[in-house]
Amino acid sequence: MNVAPQVRFWVAAAVALALVLWFLGSVLTPFAAGMALGYVLDPFATRLERLGLGRLGATILILVLFAVGFGVLLVIGAPILGRQLAGFVANMPATLDRLQTLVVDQGGAWLRGLMDGPLGKLGIAPPSGGDIQQSVGKYFGDALQWAAGFLRSVLSGGATLFNVASLLVVTPVVAFYMLLDWRRMVTTVDGWL
């Protein structure tokens, strides 16, 4: 039996699936999050059913409580996260200066030892402390500018806003139907197997 055609087919199928997931990742994310949320919340719905609440009532109650809890967490957590982010940005120059000093002090001594030792025998002169500090400062400045530009593009991107909005709208709807029809789906999949 020749296995090569089967291997080629499955490799091509895996590559096609990876490409579809790559290109449709932002579209599929709310659905995957809704399925995961439905999976996690299903035991609570089952427990509420045992207490006498119907599946629809249990699903609505769980999702309302989850939405309220998420909203409260967001209202409480957003200002704290904002203050932490503002403090981080305000302390960034001092932190980078300390990190630069540490790299120059520790790395410069190691580099001078390397230049005096094996590389010194080859006639390579060690760099001065000022050269090292200037070079490290340039790289830190470039890295900080890149990070700030990246953060700016992420925050200002319309696609990001659309993805967040679709996540907040589609995920609860998918989770609702997953919770409501969980047993039927599991029974159907079991029947297929």
Protein backbone atom coordinates (compact mmCIF):
# COMPACT_ATOMS: atom_id res chain seq x y z
CA MET A 1 0.00 0.00 0.00
CA ASN A 2 1.37 3.40 -0.98
CA VAL A 3 1.23 5.84 1.93
CA ALA A 4 2.68 8.88 0.12
CA PRO A 5 -0.65 10.13 -1.39
CA GLN A 6 -2.35 9.92 2.00
CA VAL A 7 0.51 11.78 3.67
CA ARG A 8 0.41 14.48 0.99
CA PHE A 9 -3.37 14.83 1.39
CA TRP A 10 -3.20 15.20 5.18
CA VAL A 11 -0.28 17.62 5.02
CA ALA A 12 -2.15 19.72 2.43
CA ALA A 13 -5.30 19.59 4.58
CA ALA A 14 -3.35 20.68 7.66
CA VAL A 15 -1.71 23.55 5.75
CA ALA A 16 -5.11 24.64 4.35
CA LEU A 17 -6.66 24.53 7.83
CA ALA A 18 -3.76 26.54 9.27
CA LEU A 19 -4.15 29.17 6.51
CA VAL A 20 -7.91 29.41 7.07
CA LEU A 21 -7.37 29.81 10.82
CA TRP A 22 -4.66 32.39 10.17
CA PHE A 23 -6.79 34.53 7.87
CA LEU A 24 -10.06 34.07 9.76
CA GLY A 25 -8.59 34.17 13.26
CA SER A 26 -10.21 37.49 14.19
CA VAL A 27 -13.58 36.25 12.87
CA LEU A 28 -13.39 32.89 14.66
CA THR A 29 -12.18 34.27 18.01
CA PRO A 30 -15.63 35.33 19.30
CA PHE A 31 -17.06 31.93 18.38
CA ALA A 32 -14.22 30.06 20.06
CA ALA A 33 -14.55 32.27 23.15
CA GLY A 34 -18.32 31.66 23.23
CA MET A 35 -17.82 27.91 22.95
CA ALA A 36 -15.24 27.96 25.73
CA LEU A 37 -17.53 30.07 27.90
CA GLY A 38 -20.43 27.69 27.27
CA TYR A 39 -18.23 24.72 28.13
CA VAL A 40 -17.04 26.32 31.38
CA LEU A 41 -20.51 27.47 32.46
CA ASP A 42 -22.36 24.24 31.57
CA PRO A 43 -21.84 22.58 35.00
CA PHE A 44 -23.48 25.59 36.67
CA ALA A 45 -26.47 25.35 34.33
CA THR A 46 -26.78 21.64 35.06
CA ARG A 47 -26.66 22.32 38.79
CA LEU A 48 -29.36 25.00 38.50
CA GLU A 49 -31.46 22.54 36.49
CA ARG A 50 -31.22 20.02 39.32
CA LEU A 51 -32.46 22.73 41.68
CA GLY A 52 -35.63 23.03 39.61
CA LEU A 53 -34.83 25.87 37.20
CA GLY A 54 -35.40 25.12 33.49
CA ARG A 55 -32.48 25.03 31.09
CA LEU A 56 -33.51 28.32 29.45
CA GLY A 57 -33.89 30.05 32.83
CA ALA A 58 -30.58 28.65 34.05
CA THR A 59 -28.83 29.80 30.88
CA ILE A 60 -30.28 33.31 31.10
CA LEU A 61 -29.49 33.59 34.82
CA ILE A 62 -25.90 32.41 34.38
CA LEU A 63 -25.18 34.72 31.46
CA VAL A 64 -26.75 37.72 33.21
CA LEU A 65 -24.71 37.04 36.35
CA PHE A 66 -21.58 36.55 34.24
CA ALA A 67 -22.20 39.82 32.34
CA VAL A 68 -22.86 41.74 35.56
CA GLY A 69 -19.74 40.26 37.18
CA PHE A 70 -17.65 41.06 34.11
CA GLY A 71 -19.04 44.61 34.04
CA VAL A 72 -18.31 45.16 37.73
CA LEU A 73 -14.80 43.79 37.26
CA LEU A 74 -14.31 46.09 34.28
CA VAL A 75 -15.63 49.16 36.13
CA ILE A 76 -13.43 48.45 39.13
CA GLY A 77 -10.40 47.18 37.22
CA ALA A 78 -10.22 49.74 34.39
CA PRO A 79 -9.28 52.73 36.59
CA ILE A 80 -6.75 50.65 38.50
CA LEU A 81 -5.24 49.37 35.27
CA GLY A 82 -5.21 52.91 33.86
CA ARG A 83 -3.35 54.25 36.90
CA GLN A 84 -0.88 51.38 36.75
CA LEU A 85 -0.27 51.96 33.04
CA ALA A 86 0.16 55.72 33.57
CA GLY A 87 2.61 55.06 36.42
CA PHE A 88 4.50 52.57 34.26
CA VAL A 89 4.80 55.08 31.40
CA ALA A 90 5.82 57.87 33.81
CA ASN A 91 8.52 55.70 35.42
CA MET A 92 9.78 54.27 32.11
CA PRO A 93 12.58 56.84 31.52
CA ALA A 94 13.99 56.38 35.04
CA THR A 95 13.76 52.60 34.73
CA LEU A 96 15.50 52.68 31.35
CA ASP A 97 18.25 54.91 32.78
CA ARG A 98 18.81 52.45 35.65
CA LEU A 99 18.79 49.53 33.22
CA GLN A 100 21.19 51.34 30.93
CA THR A 101 23.54 52.06 33.84
CA LEU A 102 23.39 48.43 34.92
CA VAL A 103 24.16 47.20 31.40
CA VAL A 104 27.01 49.68 31.00
CA ASP A 105 28.50 48.85 34.42
CA GLN A 106 28.15 45.08 34.28
CA GLY A 107 28.32 44.53 30.52
CA GLY A 108 31.08 47.10 30.05
CA ALA A 109 33.31 45.40 32.62
CA TRP A 110 32.68 42.01 30.98
CA LEU A 111 33.31 43.47 27.52
CA ARG A 112 36.51 45.20 28.65
CA GLY A 113 37.71 41.91 30.16
CA LEU A 114 36.97 40.16 26.89
CA MET A 115 38.71 42.89 24.88
CA ASP A 116 41.75 42.89 27.15
CA GLY A 117 41.96 39.10 27.11
CA PRO A 118 41.39 37.05 23.97
CA LEU A 119 40.42 39.89 21.65
CA GLY A 120 43.18 42.15 22.93
CA LYS A 121 45.72 39.63 21.63
CA LEU A 122 44.22 40.14 18.17
CA GLY A 123 44.73 43.90 18.41
CA ILE A 124 41.10 44.87 18.93
CA ALA A 125 40.88 47.91 21.20
CA PRO A 126 38.22 47.95 23.95
CA PRO A 127 35.47 50.54 23.58
CA SER A 128 35.29 53.38 26.06
CA GLY A 129 32.56 53.60 28.68
CA GLY A 130 31.06 56.56 26.84
CA ASP A 131 30.86 54.60 23.59
CA ILE A 132 29.13 51.70 25.35
CA GLN A 133 26.68 54.02 27.11
CA GLN A 134 25.90 55.88 23.88
CA SER A 135 25.34 52.61 22.00
CA VAL A 136 23.13 51.13 24.73
CA GLY A 137 21.19 54.40 25.00
CA LYS A 138 20.58 54.40 21.26
CA TYR A 139 19.25 50.83 21.31
CA PHE A 140 17.00 51.53 24.32
CA GLY A 141 15.69 54.68 22.62
CA ASP A 142 14.98 52.79 19.40
CA ALA A 143 13.23 49.99 21.32
CA LEU A 144 11.11 52.50 23.25
CA GLN A 145 10.11 54.31 20.05
CA TRP A 146 9.17 51.02 18.39
CA ALA A 147 7.08 49.94 21.41
CA ALA A 148 5.31 53.32 21.55
CA GLY A 149 4.57 53.19 17.81
CA PHE A 150 3.27 49.64 18.10
CA LEU A 151 1.02 50.56 21.04
CA ARG A 152 -0.27 53.61 19.17
CA SER A 153 -1.12 51.56 16.07
CA VAL A 154 -2.86 48.89 18.15
CA LEU A 155 -4.95 51.41 20.07
CA SER A 156 -5.89 53.49 17.04
CA GLY A 157 -6.62 50.61 14.69
CA GLY A 158 -10.22 50.39 13.58
CA ALA A 159 -9.88 46.65 13.08
CA THR A 160 -9.00 46.24 16.73
CA LEU A 161 -12.06 48.20 17.78
CA PHE A 162 -14.24 46.09 15.49
CA ASN A 163 -12.73 42.87 16.85
CA VAL A 164 -13.35 43.92 20.45
CA ALA A 165 -16.93 44.93 19.63
CA SER A 166 -17.60 41.65 17.86
CA LEU A 167 -16.08 39.78 20.78
CA LEU A 168 -18.38 41.58 23.22
CA VAL A 169 -21.48 41.01 21.07
CA VAL A 170 -20.99 37.59 19.46
CA THR A 171 -19.40 35.75 22.39
CA PRO A 172 -22.42 36.00 24.73
CA VAL A 173 -24.80 34.96 21.93
CA VAL A 174 -22.71 31.88 21.10
CA ALA A 175 -22.33 31.07 24.80
CA PHE A 176 -26.13 31.35 25.25
CA TYR A 177 -26.86 28.84 22.51
CA MET A 178 -24.03 26.56 23.62
CA LEU A 179 -25.42 26.48 27.15
CA LEU A 180 -28.98 26.04 25.95
CA ASP A 181 -28.24 23.14 23.59
CA TRP A 182 -25.23 21.62 25.32
CA ARG A 183 -26.76 18.21 26.05
CA ARG A 184 -28.23 17.91 22.56
CA MET A 185 -24.85 18.72 20.98
CA VAL A 186 -22.99 16.25 23.18
CA THR A 187 -25.57 13.54 22.41
CA THR A 188 -25.32 14.22 18.68
CA VAL A 189 -21.53 14.08 18.72
CA ASP A 190 -21.64 10.89 20.78
CA GLY A 191 -24.00 9.43 18.17
CA TRP A 192 -21.53 10.29 15.43
CA LEU A 193 -18.76 8.53 17.29
